[in-house]
């Protein structure tokens, strides 16, 4: 026992601290540029201590990716639960993406795809099973409620929307020294949403835009 903690609790807490420190560094600086030395320095521990809990950097990257994806999924569920209607839900999701993504280094997704294939597969699995299915469900409900046009193919447009969100992180397309990330995401959302809505949907969207402009949402 140490300070009332069992050995297992100490191990779990240590693993959690390492994962949290790594996540902060990855999101701020990108995955490739962060080394095990950087993680050990942030925590003021030795690399040997890190290797007692994790086999290598790739294992940490996979764990962090899964943690982030699970948190994103929980956030989507919370937004769905609190939204007044489909338009409100899409509006809140767009707001969350703009605010959350602002602090994420744009190289993160590229680094996963290029250098950490196992973590990239985790991302793709969540993208397909959670994010895509959630959006398909939302747009399908929007059709039934008269907000989304009947001739919209919800699967195609859901895929398009996810690719738009991901594209905003691509520094080759939207370098952040030239484009403001929030503005890019807003323009892409605004273009997308006006392309799928009925007149009823557009009128409802205007109401939420007015609330946004007056800082009510």
N, C-alpha and C. Protein backbone atom coordinates (compact mmCIF):
# COMPACT_ATOMS: atom_id res chain seq x y z
N UNK A 1 0.84 -1.21 0.00
CA UNK A 1 0.00 0.00 0.00
C UNK A 1 0.88 1.26 0.00
N UNK A 2 0.45 2.28 -0.74
CA UNK A 2 1.16 3.56 -0.75
C UNK A 2 0.11 4.66 -0.73
N UNK A 3 0.11 5.43 0.40
CA UNK A 3 -0.91 6.48 0.58
C UNK A 3 -2.32 5.91 0.46
N UNK A 4 -2.51 4.70 0.95
CA UNK A 4 -3.84 4.10 0.94
C UNK A 4 -4.22 3.46 -0.38
N UNK A 5 -3.32 3.48 -1.37
CA UNK A 5 -3.62 2.90 -2.67
C UNK A 5 -2.99 1.53 -2.80
N UNK A 6 -3.69 0.62 -3.46
CA UNK A 6 -3.12 -0.68 -3.75
C UNK A 6 -2.15 -0.55 -4.92
N UNK A 7 -1.33 -1.58 -5.11
CA UNK A 7 -0.38 -1.57 -6.23
C UNK A 7 -1.12 -1.46 -7.56
N UNK A 8 -2.25 -2.18 -7.69
CA UNK A 8 -3.02 -2.14 -8.92
C UNK A 8 -3.54 -0.74 -9.20
N UNK A 9 -4.02 -0.06 -8.15
CA UNK A 9 -4.51 1.31 -8.33
C UNK A 9 -3.41 2.25 -8.77
N UNK A 10 -2.21 2.05 -8.20
CA UNK A 10 -1.07 2.89 -8.57
C UNK A 10 -0.71 2.68 -10.04
N UNK A 11 -0.72 1.41 -10.47
CA UNK A 11 -0.42 1.10 -11.86
C UNK A 11 -1.44 1.74 -12.79
N UNK A 12 -2.72 1.61 -12.46
CA UNK A 12 -3.79 2.17 -13.29
C UNK A 12 -3.66 3.69 -13.37
N UNK A 13 -3.40 4.33 -12.22
CA UNK A 13 -3.26 5.78 -12.21
C UNK A 13 -2.05 6.22 -13.02
N UNK A 14 -0.97 5.48 -12.92
CA UNK A 14 0.24 5.82 -13.67
C UNK A 14 -0.01 5.70 -15.17
N UNK A 15 -0.68 4.64 -15.59
CA UNK A 15 -1.00 4.47 -17.00
C UNK A 15 -1.90 5.61 -17.49
N UNK A 16 -2.85 5.99 -16.65
CA UNK A 16 -3.77 7.06 -17.00
C UNK A 16 -3.02 8.39 -17.15
N UNK A 17 -2.11 8.67 -16.24
CA UNK A 17 -1.34 9.91 -16.29
C UNK A 17 -0.50 9.97 -17.55
N UNK A 18 0.11 8.85 -17.92
CA UNK A 18 0.92 8.80 -19.13
C UNK A 18 0.05 9.03 -20.36
N UNK A 19 -1.10 8.37 -20.41
CA UNK A 19 -2.01 8.52 -21.55
C UNK A 19 -2.51 9.96 -21.67
N UNK A 20 -2.84 10.57 -20.54
CA UNK A 20 -3.34 11.95 -20.56
C UNK A 20 -2.26 12.91 -21.03
N UNK A 21 -1.03 12.73 -20.55
CA UNK A 21 0.07 13.60 -20.97
C UNK A 21 0.34 13.43 -22.46
N UNK A 22 0.34 12.18 -22.93
CA UNK A 22 0.56 11.92 -24.35
C UNK A 22 -0.53 12.55 -25.20
N UNK A 23 -1.77 12.42 -24.77
CA UNK A 23 -2.88 13.01 -25.52
C UNK A 23 -2.73 14.51 -25.66
N UNK A 24 -2.40 15.18 -24.57
CA UNK A 24 -2.22 16.63 -24.60
C UNK A 24 -1.13 17.02 -25.60
N UNK A 25 -0.03 16.28 -25.60
CA UNK A 25 1.08 16.57 -26.50
C UNK A 25 0.72 16.27 -27.95
N UNK A 26 0.07 15.14 -28.19
CA UNK A 26 -0.31 14.76 -29.55
C UNK A 26 -1.24 15.82 -30.17
N UNK A 27 -2.25 16.22 -29.42
CA UNK A 27 -3.22 17.17 -29.95
C UNK A 27 -2.61 18.54 -30.19
N UNK A 28 -1.64 18.90 -29.37
CA UNK A 28 -1.02 20.21 -29.49
C UNK A 28 0.05 20.27 -30.58
N UNK A 29 0.83 19.20 -30.70
CA UNK A 29 2.00 19.24 -31.59
C UNK A 29 1.97 18.24 -32.74
N UNK A 30 0.94 17.41 -32.80
CA UNK A 30 0.92 16.34 -33.78
C UNK A 30 1.52 15.08 -33.18
N UNK A 31 1.23 13.95 -33.80
CA UNK A 31 1.66 12.67 -33.23
C UNK A 31 3.12 12.37 -33.56
N UNK A 32 3.50 12.58 -34.80
CA UNK A 32 4.84 12.20 -35.23
C UNK A 32 5.93 12.97 -34.47
N UNK A 33 5.69 14.25 -34.23
CA UNK A 33 6.74 15.08 -33.63
C UNK A 33 6.95 14.83 -32.15
N UNK A 34 6.01 14.16 -31.50
CA UNK A 34 6.12 13.90 -30.05
C UNK A 34 6.86 12.58 -29.83
N UNK A 35 7.90 12.63 -29.02
CA UNK A 35 8.69 11.44 -28.73
C UNK A 35 8.40 10.93 -27.32
N UNK A 36 8.89 9.75 -27.02
CA UNK A 36 8.78 9.22 -25.67
C UNK A 36 9.52 10.11 -24.68
N UNK A 37 10.60 10.73 -25.13
CA UNK A 37 11.33 11.69 -24.29
C UNK A 37 10.43 12.86 -23.92
N UNK A 38 9.67 13.35 -24.88
CA UNK A 38 8.76 14.48 -24.62
C UNK A 38 7.73 14.11 -23.56
N UNK A 39 7.19 12.90 -23.66
CA UNK A 39 6.19 12.46 -22.68
C UNK A 39 6.81 12.33 -21.30
N UNK A 40 8.00 11.75 -21.25
CA UNK A 40 8.67 11.58 -19.95
C UNK A 40 9.02 12.93 -19.32
N UNK A 41 9.44 13.89 -20.15
CA UNK A 41 9.76 15.22 -19.63
C UNK A 41 8.52 15.93 -19.10
N UNK A 42 7.41 15.78 -19.81
CA UNK A 42 6.18 16.43 -19.37
C UNK A 42 5.75 15.92 -17.99
N UNK A 43 5.97 14.62 -17.75
CA UNK A 43 5.56 14.01 -16.48
C UNK A 43 6.68 13.99 -15.44
N UNK A 44 7.89 14.39 -15.87
CA UNK A 44 9.06 14.35 -14.99
C UNK A 44 9.31 12.93 -14.47
N UNK A 45 9.23 11.98 -15.39
CA UNK A 45 9.53 10.59 -15.05
C UNK A 45 10.50 10.05 -16.10
N UNK A 46 11.04 8.90 -15.86
CA UNK A 46 11.98 8.31 -16.81
C UNK A 46 11.23 7.57 -17.92
N UNK A 47 11.89 7.41 -19.06
CA UNK A 47 11.30 6.61 -20.13
C UNK A 47 11.10 5.17 -19.68
N UNK A 48 11.97 4.71 -18.82
CA UNK A 48 11.87 3.35 -18.31
C UNK A 48 10.53 3.14 -17.62
N UNK A 49 10.08 4.15 -16.89
CA UNK A 49 8.79 4.06 -16.21
C UNK A 49 7.65 3.94 -17.23
N UNK A 50 7.75 4.69 -18.32
CA UNK A 50 6.72 4.62 -19.37
C UNK A 50 6.69 3.22 -19.97
N UNK A 51 7.88 2.66 -20.23
CA UNK A 51 7.95 1.34 -20.85
C UNK A 51 7.52 0.22 -19.91
N UNK A 52 7.40 0.52 -18.64
CA UNK A 52 6.85 -0.46 -17.71
C UNK A 52 5.35 -0.61 -17.91
N UNK A 53 4.73 0.40 -18.49
CA UNK A 53 3.28 0.40 -18.69
C UNK A 53 2.87 0.21 -20.15
N UNK A 54 3.72 0.64 -21.07
CA UNK A 54 3.40 0.57 -22.49
C UNK A 54 4.56 -0.03 -23.27
N UNK A 55 4.23 -0.87 -24.23
CA UNK A 55 5.26 -1.54 -25.02
C UNK A 55 6.05 -0.55 -25.86
N UNK A 56 5.33 0.39 -26.49
CA UNK A 56 6.00 1.36 -27.35
C UNK A 56 5.06 2.55 -27.58
N UNK A 57 5.52 3.50 -28.36
CA UNK A 57 4.72 4.69 -28.64
C UNK A 57 3.44 4.33 -29.38
N UNK A 58 3.51 3.37 -30.28
CA UNK A 58 2.33 2.99 -31.05
C UNK A 58 1.19 2.52 -30.15
N UNK A 59 1.52 1.81 -29.08
CA UNK A 59 0.48 1.37 -28.15
C UNK A 59 -0.17 2.56 -27.47
N UNK A 60 0.63 3.56 -27.13
CA UNK A 60 0.08 4.77 -26.51
C UNK A 60 -0.82 5.50 -27.50
N UNK A 61 -0.36 5.61 -28.75
CA UNK A 61 -1.13 6.30 -29.78
C UNK A 61 -2.49 5.62 -29.98
N UNK A 62 -2.49 4.29 -30.00
CA UNK A 62 -3.74 3.55 -30.16
C UNK A 62 -4.69 3.80 -29.00
N UNK A 63 -4.16 3.77 -27.79
CA UNK A 63 -5.00 4.00 -26.62
C UNK A 63 -5.57 5.41 -26.62
N UNK A 64 -4.73 6.38 -26.92
CA UNK A 64 -5.19 7.77 -26.96
C UNK A 64 -6.25 7.96 -28.04
N UNK A 65 -6.04 7.37 -29.20
CA UNK A 65 -7.01 7.47 -30.29
C UNK A 65 -8.36 6.92 -29.86
N UNK A 66 -8.34 5.76 -29.21
CA UNK A 66 -9.59 5.16 -28.75
C UNK A 66 -10.27 6.03 -27.71
N UNK A 67 -9.49 6.58 -26.79
CA UNK A 67 -10.05 7.47 -25.75
C UNK A 67 -10.72 8.69 -26.38
N UNK A 68 -10.04 9.30 -27.32
CA UNK A 68 -10.58 10.50 -27.96
C UNK A 68 -11.85 10.17 -28.73
N UNK A 69 -11.85 9.06 -29.46
CA UNK A 69 -13.02 8.68 -30.24
C UNK A 69 -14.22 8.37 -29.34
N UNK A 70 -13.97 7.69 -28.23
CA UNK A 70 -15.06 7.37 -27.30
C UNK A 70 -15.63 8.66 -26.69
N UNK A 71 -14.75 9.60 -26.42
CA UNK A 71 -15.21 10.88 -25.87
C UNK A 71 -16.03 11.65 -26.90
N UNK A 72 -15.59 11.60 -28.16
CA UNK A 72 -16.35 12.26 -29.22
C UNK A 72 -17.73 11.62 -29.38
N UNK A 73 -17.76 10.28 -29.30
CA UNK A 73 -19.05 9.59 -29.39
C UNK A 73 -19.99 9.97 -28.28
N UNK A 74 -19.45 10.09 -27.06
CA UNK A 74 -20.27 10.50 -25.92
C UNK A 74 -20.78 11.92 -26.09
N UNK A 75 -19.95 12.78 -26.67
CA UNK A 75 -20.36 14.17 -26.90
C UNK A 75 -21.50 14.23 -27.91
N UNK A 76 -21.40 13.41 -28.96
CA UNK A 76 -22.49 13.36 -29.94
C UNK A 76 -23.79 12.91 -29.29
N UNK A 77 -23.70 11.89 -28.44
CA UNK A 77 -24.90 11.40 -27.75
C UNK A 77 -25.52 12.49 -26.88
N UNK A 78 -24.67 13.27 -26.22
CA UNK A 78 -25.17 14.34 -25.35
C UNK A 78 -25.84 15.44 -26.17
N UNK A 79 -25.24 15.77 -27.30
CA UNK A 79 -25.83 16.79 -28.16
C UNK A 79 -27.18 16.31 -28.69
N UNK A 80 -27.24 15.06 -29.12
CA UNK A 80 -28.51 14.51 -29.59
C UNK A 80 -29.59 14.58 -28.51
N UNK A 81 -29.20 14.25 -27.28
CA UNK A 81 -30.16 14.22 -26.18
C UNK A 81 -30.68 15.62 -25.83
N UNK A 82 -29.86 16.65 -26.05
CA UNK A 82 -30.22 18.01 -25.64
C UNK A 82 -30.77 18.87 -26.76
N UNK A 83 -30.72 18.37 -28.00
CA UNK A 83 -31.17 19.17 -29.14
C UNK A 83 -32.70 19.25 -29.20
N UNK A 84 -33.19 20.38 -29.63
CA UNK A 84 -34.65 20.57 -29.76
C UNK A 84 -35.21 19.85 -30.98
N UNK A 85 -34.42 19.81 -32.03
CA UNK A 85 -34.85 19.18 -33.29
C UNK A 85 -33.61 18.87 -34.12
N UNK A 86 -33.81 18.35 -35.32
CA UNK A 86 -32.70 17.96 -36.19
C UNK A 86 -31.80 19.14 -36.54
N UNK A 87 -32.39 20.29 -36.86
CA UNK A 87 -31.61 21.46 -37.23
C UNK A 87 -30.77 21.92 -36.04
N UNK A 88 -31.37 21.93 -34.89
CA UNK A 88 -30.64 22.32 -33.67
C UNK A 88 -29.47 21.36 -33.43
N UNK A 89 -29.72 20.08 -33.64
CA UNK A 89 -28.67 19.07 -33.44
C UNK A 89 -27.50 19.31 -34.39
N UNK A 90 -27.79 19.49 -35.69
CA UNK A 90 -26.73 19.74 -36.65
C UNK A 90 -25.98 21.03 -36.35
N UNK A 91 -26.72 22.02 -35.89
CA UNK A 91 -26.12 23.31 -35.54
C UNK A 91 -25.17 23.15 -34.36
N UNK A 92 -25.61 22.43 -33.33
CA UNK A 92 -24.78 22.23 -32.14
C UNK A 92 -23.55 21.37 -32.46
N UNK A 93 -23.73 20.36 -33.30
CA UNK A 93 -22.59 19.54 -33.71
C UNK A 93 -21.55 20.36 -34.45
N UNK A 94 -22.02 21.23 -35.34
CA UNK A 94 -21.10 22.08 -36.08
C UNK A 94 -20.35 23.02 -35.13
N UNK A 95 -21.06 23.56 -34.16
CA UNK A 95 -20.43 24.45 -33.18
C UNK A 95 -19.37 23.71 -32.38
N UNK A 96 -19.69 22.50 -31.96
CA UNK A 96 -18.73 21.70 -31.20
C UNK A 96 -17.48 21.41 -32.03
N UNK A 97 -17.66 21.05 -33.27
CA UNK A 97 -16.53 20.75 -34.16
C UNK A 97 -15.64 21.98 -34.33
N UNK A 98 -16.26 23.14 -34.52
CA UNK A 98 -15.48 24.37 -34.71
C UNK A 98 -14.68 24.72 -33.46
N UNK A 99 -15.32 24.62 -32.31
CA UNK A 99 -14.66 25.02 -31.08
C UNK A 99 -13.62 24.00 -30.63
N UNK A 100 -13.95 22.72 -30.75
CA UNK A 100 -13.04 21.66 -30.31
C UNK A 100 -11.83 21.54 -31.23
N UNK A 101 -12.06 21.61 -32.52
CA UNK A 101 -10.99 21.39 -33.48
C UNK A 101 -9.99 22.52 -33.57
N UNK A 102 -10.35 23.69 -33.07
CA UNK A 102 -9.46 24.85 -33.15
C UNK A 102 -8.11 24.58 -32.49
N UNK A 103 -8.12 23.83 -31.39
CA UNK A 103 -6.89 23.60 -30.63
C UNK A 103 -6.16 22.32 -31.04
N UNK A 104 -6.68 21.60 -32.02
CA UNK A 104 -6.06 20.35 -32.46
C UNK A 104 -5.07 20.62 -33.58
N UNK A 105 -3.86 20.11 -33.44
CA UNK A 105 -2.85 20.28 -34.48
C UNK A 105 -3.35 19.63 -35.78
N UNK A 106 -3.31 20.35 -36.89
CA UNK A 106 -3.87 19.83 -38.14
C UNK A 106 -3.15 18.59 -38.68
N UNK A 107 -1.98 18.27 -38.16
CA UNK A 107 -1.24 17.11 -38.68
C UNK A 107 -1.66 15.79 -38.03
N UNK A 108 -2.53 15.85 -37.00
CA UNK A 108 -2.84 14.65 -36.22
C UNK A 108 -3.37 13.52 -37.10
N UNK A 109 -4.39 13.79 -37.89
CA UNK A 109 -4.98 12.73 -38.71
C UNK A 109 -4.00 12.22 -39.75
N UNK A 110 -3.25 13.13 -40.36
CA UNK A 110 -2.25 12.71 -41.34
C UNK A 110 -1.21 11.80 -40.70
N UNK A 111 -0.78 12.17 -39.49
CA UNK A 111 0.22 11.36 -38.78
C UNK A 111 -0.29 9.96 -38.49
N UNK A 112 -1.55 9.86 -38.07
CA UNK A 112 -2.13 8.53 -37.81
C UNK A 112 -2.15 7.70 -39.09
N UNK A 113 -2.62 8.30 -40.16
CA UNK A 113 -2.75 7.57 -41.42
C UNK A 113 -1.39 7.12 -41.96
N UNK A 114 -0.39 7.95 -41.81
CA UNK A 114 0.91 7.67 -42.41
C UNK A 114 1.81 6.81 -41.51
N UNK A 115 1.75 7.03 -40.20
CA UNK A 115 2.75 6.42 -39.33
C UNK A 115 2.20 5.47 -38.26
N UNK A 116 0.89 5.47 -38.06
CA UNK A 116 0.32 4.62 -37.00
C UNK A 116 -0.95 3.96 -37.54
N UNK A 117 -0.77 2.94 -38.35
CA UNK A 117 -1.89 2.34 -39.06
C UNK A 117 -2.92 1.72 -38.13
N UNK A 118 -2.47 1.14 -37.02
CA UNK A 118 -3.43 0.52 -36.09
C UNK A 118 -4.34 1.58 -35.49
N UNK A 119 -3.76 2.72 -35.13
CA UNK A 119 -4.56 3.82 -34.59
C UNK A 119 -5.48 4.39 -35.66
N UNK A 120 -4.99 4.46 -36.91
CA UNK A 120 -5.81 4.94 -38.02
C UNK A 120 -7.02 4.03 -38.24
N UNK A 121 -6.82 2.73 -38.09
CA UNK A 121 -7.92 1.79 -38.23
C UNK A 121 -8.96 2.00 -37.12
N UNK A 122 -8.49 2.33 -35.92
CA UNK A 122 -9.41 2.64 -34.82
C UNK A 122 -10.25 3.87 -35.19
N UNK A 123 -9.59 4.88 -35.72
CA UNK A 123 -10.30 6.10 -36.14
C UNK A 123 -11.34 5.79 -37.22
N UNK A 124 -10.93 5.01 -38.22
CA UNK A 124 -11.85 4.67 -39.31
C UNK A 124 -13.04 3.85 -38.81
N UNK A 125 -12.79 2.95 -37.85
CA UNK A 125 -13.87 2.13 -37.30
C UNK A 125 -14.91 3.01 -36.59
N UNK A 126 -14.44 3.95 -35.79
CA UNK A 126 -15.37 4.86 -35.12
C UNK A 126 -16.09 5.75 -36.13
N UNK A 127 -15.35 6.21 -37.12
CA UNK A 127 -15.94 7.08 -38.14
C UNK A 127 -17.10 6.38 -38.84
N UNK A 128 -16.91 5.09 -39.13
CA UNK A 128 -17.94 4.31 -39.83
C UNK A 128 -19.08 3.91 -38.92
N UNK A 129 -18.75 3.36 -37.75
CA UNK A 129 -19.77 2.75 -36.89
C UNK A 129 -20.48 3.74 -35.99
N UNK A 130 -19.84 4.85 -35.68
CA UNK A 130 -20.44 5.82 -34.76
C UNK A 130 -20.82 7.11 -35.48
N UNK A 131 -19.84 7.81 -36.04
CA UNK A 131 -20.11 9.12 -36.62
C UNK A 131 -21.00 9.03 -37.85
N UNK A 132 -20.68 8.12 -38.77
CA UNK A 132 -21.48 8.01 -39.99
C UNK A 132 -22.89 7.55 -39.68
N UNK A 133 -23.03 6.51 -38.88
CA UNK A 133 -24.37 5.98 -38.58
C UNK A 133 -25.21 7.00 -37.83
N UNK A 134 -24.58 7.77 -36.96
CA UNK A 134 -25.30 8.80 -36.22
C UNK A 134 -25.83 9.87 -37.18
N UNK A 135 -25.00 10.29 -38.13
CA UNK A 135 -25.43 11.32 -39.07
C UNK A 135 -26.50 10.81 -40.01
N UNK A 136 -26.36 9.58 -40.47
CA UNK A 136 -27.39 8.98 -41.31
C UNK A 136 -28.73 8.96 -40.58
N UNK A 137 -28.69 8.57 -39.31
CA UNK A 137 -29.90 8.53 -38.50
C UNK A 137 -30.53 9.92 -38.36
N UNK A 138 -29.68 10.92 -38.15
CA UNK A 138 -30.17 12.29 -37.99
C UNK A 138 -30.81 12.81 -39.27
N UNK A 139 -30.15 12.62 -40.40
CA UNK A 139 -30.70 13.11 -41.66
C UNK A 139 -31.97 12.35 -42.05
N UNK A 140 -32.02 11.06 -41.73
CA UNK A 140 -33.23 10.28 -42.00
C UNK A 140 -34.39 10.81 -41.17
N UNK A 141 -34.12 11.12 -39.92
CA UNK A 141 -35.17 11.71 -39.07
C UNK A 141 -35.58 13.08 -39.59
N UNK A 142 -34.59 13.82 -40.10
CA UNK A 142 -34.90 15.13 -40.67
C UNK A 142 -35.84 15.04 -41.85
N UNK A 143 -35.71 13.99 -42.64
CA UNK A 143 -36.63 13.77 -43.75
C UNK A 143 -38.05 13.55 -43.25
N UNK A 144 -38.19 12.68 -42.26
CA UNK A 144 -39.51 12.36 -41.72
C UNK A 144 -40.17 13.58 -41.09
N UNK A 145 -39.37 14.47 -40.53
CA UNK A 145 -39.91 15.65 -39.85
C UNK A 145 -40.06 16.84 -40.78
N UNK A 146 -39.69 16.67 -42.05
CA UNK A 146 -39.89 17.73 -43.03
C UNK A 146 -38.80 18.77 -43.09
N UNK A 147 -37.66 18.53 -42.46
CA UNK A 147 -36.56 19.50 -42.48
C UNK A 147 -35.59 19.24 -43.64
N UNK A 148 -35.46 17.98 -44.04
CA UNK A 148 -34.51 17.57 -45.08
C UNK A 148 -35.28 17.15 -46.32
N UNK A 149 -34.81 17.57 -47.50
CA UNK A 149 -35.50 17.29 -48.75
C UNK A 149 -35.62 15.78 -49.00
N UNK A 150 -36.73 15.38 -49.57
CA UNK A 150 -37.02 13.97 -49.80
C UNK A 150 -36.03 13.31 -50.75
N UNK A 151 -35.51 14.06 -51.71
CA UNK A 151 -34.63 13.46 -52.71
C UNK A 151 -33.16 13.39 -52.26
N UNK A 152 -32.88 13.74 -51.01
CA UNK A 152 -31.52 13.66 -50.48
C UNK A 152 -31.18 12.21 -50.16
N UNK A 153 -30.05 11.73 -50.67
CA UNK A 153 -29.55 10.41 -50.31
C UNK A 153 -28.76 10.58 -49.02
N UNK A 154 -29.32 10.13 -47.92
CA UNK A 154 -28.74 10.43 -46.61
C UNK A 154 -27.36 9.80 -46.41
N UNK A 155 -27.14 8.64 -47.03
CA UNK A 155 -25.83 8.00 -46.87
C UNK A 155 -24.75 8.77 -47.62
N UNK A 156 -25.04 9.14 -48.86
CA UNK A 156 -24.07 9.89 -49.65
C UNK A 156 -23.75 11.23 -48.99
N UNK A 157 -24.78 11.94 -48.57
CA UNK A 157 -24.57 13.25 -47.98
C UNK A 157 -23.91 13.18 -46.60
N UNK A 158 -24.18 12.10 -45.87
CA UNK A 158 -23.51 11.92 -44.58
C UNK A 158 -22.02 11.68 -44.79
N UNK A 159 -21.68 10.86 -45.78
CA UNK A 159 -20.27 10.62 -46.12
C UNK A 159 -19.60 11.93 -46.55
N UNK A 160 -20.30 12.71 -47.35
CA UNK A 160 -19.76 13.99 -47.80
C UNK A 160 -19.46 14.89 -46.61
N UNK A 161 -20.41 14.96 -45.67
CA UNK A 161 -20.24 15.84 -44.52
C UNK A 161 -19.04 15.44 -43.67
N UNK A 162 -18.86 14.14 -43.45
CA UNK A 162 -17.72 13.68 -42.67
C UNK A 162 -16.40 14.00 -43.36
N UNK A 163 -16.38 13.87 -44.68
CA UNK A 163 -15.15 14.19 -45.42
C UNK A 163 -14.88 15.69 -45.38
N UNK A 164 -15.92 16.50 -45.39
CA UNK A 164 -15.74 17.95 -45.28
C UNK A 164 -15.10 18.31 -43.94
N UNK A 165 -15.62 17.71 -42.88
CA UNK A 165 -15.08 17.98 -41.55
C UNK A 165 -13.60 17.61 -41.49
N UNK A 166 -13.27 16.45 -42.04
CA UNK A 166 -11.88 15.99 -42.03
C UNK A 166 -11.01 16.86 -42.93
N UNK A 167 -11.56 17.30 -44.05
CA UNK A 167 -10.81 18.10 -45.01
C UNK A 167 -10.35 19.43 -44.40
N UNK A 168 -11.13 19.97 -43.48
CA UNK A 168 -10.78 21.25 -42.86
C UNK A 168 -9.48 21.17 -42.07
N UNK A 169 -9.08 19.95 -41.68
CA UNK A 169 -7.82 19.76 -40.96
C UNK A 169 -6.63 19.65 -41.91
N UNK A 170 -6.88 19.50 -43.19
CA UNK A 170 -5.81 19.25 -44.16
C UNK A 170 -5.06 20.55 -44.45
N UNK A 171 -3.83 20.63 -43.96
CA UNK A 171 -3.03 21.85 -44.12
C UNK A 171 -2.64 22.11 -45.56
N UNK A 172 -2.67 21.07 -46.42
CA UNK A 172 -2.36 21.27 -47.83
C UNK A 172 -3.50 22.02 -48.53
N UNK A 173 -4.72 21.83 -48.04
CA UNK A 173 -5.88 22.51 -48.63
C UNK A 173 -6.16 23.82 -47.93
N UNK A 174 -6.18 23.79 -46.61
CA UNK A 174 -6.48 24.98 -45.81
C UNK A 174 -5.36 25.25 -44.79
N UNK A 175 -4.20 25.73 -45.23
CA UNK A 175 -3.11 26.03 -44.29
C UNK A 175 -3.56 27.06 -43.26
N UNK A 176 -3.25 26.81 -42.00
CA UNK A 176 -3.78 27.68 -40.94
C UNK A 176 -3.12 29.04 -40.86
N UNK A 177 -2.03 29.23 -41.58
CA UNK A 177 -1.46 30.57 -41.64
C UNK A 177 -2.19 31.44 -42.67
N UNK A 178 -3.08 30.81 -43.41
CA UNK A 178 -3.86 31.53 -44.43
C UNK A 178 -5.36 31.50 -44.13
N UNK A 179 -5.85 30.37 -43.60
CA UNK A 179 -7.28 30.20 -43.34
C UNK A 179 -7.54 30.03 -41.85
N UNK A 180 -8.59 30.66 -41.38
CA UNK A 180 -9.03 30.47 -40.00
C UNK A 180 -9.85 29.18 -39.92
N UNK A 181 -9.43 28.27 -39.04
CA UNK A 181 -10.08 26.95 -38.95
C UNK A 181 -11.58 27.07 -38.71
N UNK A 182 -11.98 27.92 -37.77
CA UNK A 182 -13.40 28.05 -37.46
C UNK A 182 -14.19 28.55 -38.67
N UNK A 183 -13.60 29.49 -39.39
CA UNK A 183 -14.28 30.04 -40.57
C UNK A 183 -14.44 28.97 -41.65
N UNK A 184 -13.40 28.16 -41.82
CA UNK A 184 -13.47 27.08 -42.81
C UNK A 184 -14.59 26.11 -42.46
N UNK A 185 -14.62 25.68 -41.20
CA UNK A 185 -15.66 24.72 -40.79
C UNK A 185 -17.04 25.34 -40.92
N UNK A 186 -17.18 26.62 -40.60
CA UNK A 186 -18.50 27.25 -40.71
C UNK A 186 -18.94 27.33 -42.17
N UNK A 187 -18.02 27.73 -43.06
CA UNK A 187 -18.37 27.84 -44.48
C UNK A 187 -18.77 26.48 -45.05
N UNK A 188 -18.05 25.43 -44.68
CA UNK A 188 -18.37 24.09 -45.17
C UNK A 188 -19.72 23.63 -44.64
N UNK A 189 -19.99 23.91 -43.35
CA UNK A 189 -21.28 23.53 -42.77
C UNK A 189 -22.41 24.32 -43.43
N UNK A 190 -22.22 25.62 -43.59
CA UNK A 190 -23.26 26.48 -44.16
C UNK A 190 -23.60 26.03 -45.58
N UNK A 191 -22.59 25.70 -46.36
CA UNK A 191 -22.80 25.22 -47.72
C UNK A 191 -23.55 23.88 -47.71
N UNK A 192 -23.12 22.98 -46.83
CA UNK A 192 -23.74 21.66 -46.74
C UNK A 192 -25.21 21.76 -46.32
N UNK A 193 -25.47 22.50 -45.25
CA UNK A 193 -26.81 22.51 -44.66
C UNK A 193 -27.82 23.15 -45.61
N UNK A 194 -27.42 24.18 -46.35
CA UNK A 194 -28.35 24.81 -47.29
C UNK A 194 -28.64 23.92 -48.50
N UNK A 195 -27.77 22.95 -48.73
CA UNK A 195 -27.98 22.06 -49.86
C UNK A 195 -28.94 20.93 -49.58
N UNK A 196 -29.29 20.69 -48.30
CA UNK A 196 -30.13 19.53 -47.99
C UNK A 196 -31.50 19.91 -47.41
N UNK A 197 -31.69 21.18 -47.07
CA UNK A 197 -32.89 21.56 -46.32
C UNK A 197 -34.09 21.90 -47.20
N UNK A 198 -35.26 21.66 -46.65
CA UNK A 198 -36.52 22.12 -47.23
C UNK A 198 -36.72 23.58 -46.82
N UNK A 199 -37.80 24.19 -47.30
CA UNK A 199 -38.09 25.56 -46.88
C UNK A 199 -38.32 25.63 -45.37
N UNK A 200 -38.99 24.62 -44.83
CA UNK A 200 -39.21 24.56 -43.39
C UNK A 200 -37.86 24.47 -42.66
N UNK A 201 -36.96 23.67 -43.20
CA UNK A 201 -35.65 23.53 -42.59
C UNK A 201 -34.87 24.83 -42.61
N UNK A 202 -34.93 25.55 -43.74
CA UNK A 202 -34.20 26.81 -43.87
C UNK A 202 -34.75 27.86 -42.90
N UNK A 203 -36.06 27.91 -42.76
CA UNK A 203 -36.66 28.86 -41.81
C UNK A 203 -36.23 28.54 -40.38
N UNK A 204 -36.19 27.27 -40.05
CA UNK A 204 -35.76 26.87 -38.71
C UNK A 204 -34.28 27.19 -38.51
N UNK A 205 -33.48 26.96 -39.54
CA UNK A 205 -32.05 27.28 -39.47
C UNK A 205 -31.84 28.76 -39.19
N UNK A 206 -32.62 29.62 -39.85
CA UNK A 206 -32.50 31.07 -39.65
C UNK A 206 -32.71 31.44 -38.18
N UNK A 207 -33.64 30.75 -37.54
CA UNK A 207 -33.91 31.04 -36.13
C UNK A 207 -32.68 30.73 -35.27
N UNK A 208 -32.03 29.59 -35.56
CA UNK A 208 -30.84 29.23 -34.78
C UNK A 208 -29.65 30.12 -35.12
N UNK A 209 -29.59 30.59 -36.37
CA UNK A 209 -28.53 31.51 -36.73
C UNK A 209 -28.70 32.85 -36.00
N UNK A 210 -29.94 33.26 -35.84
CA UNK A 210 -30.19 34.50 -35.11
C UNK A 210 -29.81 34.35 -33.64
N UNK A 211 -30.09 33.16 -33.09
CA UNK A 211 -29.71 32.91 -31.70
C UNK A 211 -28.19 32.85 -31.56
N UNK A 212 -27.54 32.29 -32.58
CA UNK A 212 -26.07 32.25 -32.55
C UNK A 212 -25.50 33.67 -32.60
N UNK A 213 -26.05 34.51 -33.47
CA UNK A 213 -25.55 35.87 -33.62
C UNK A 213 -25.76 36.70 -32.34
N UNK A 214 -26.78 36.35 -31.58
CA UNK A 214 -27.03 37.05 -30.31
C UNK A 214 -26.42 36.31 -29.11
N UNK A 215 -25.58 35.29 -29.42
CA UNK A 215 -24.85 34.52 -28.40
C UNK A 215 -25.78 33.75 -27.45
N UNK A 216 -26.95 33.38 -27.96
CA UNK A 216 -27.87 32.58 -27.14
C UNK A 216 -27.51 31.09 -27.22
N UNK A 217 -26.85 30.67 -28.29
CA UNK A 217 -26.37 29.30 -28.41
C UNK A 217 -24.95 29.31 -28.97
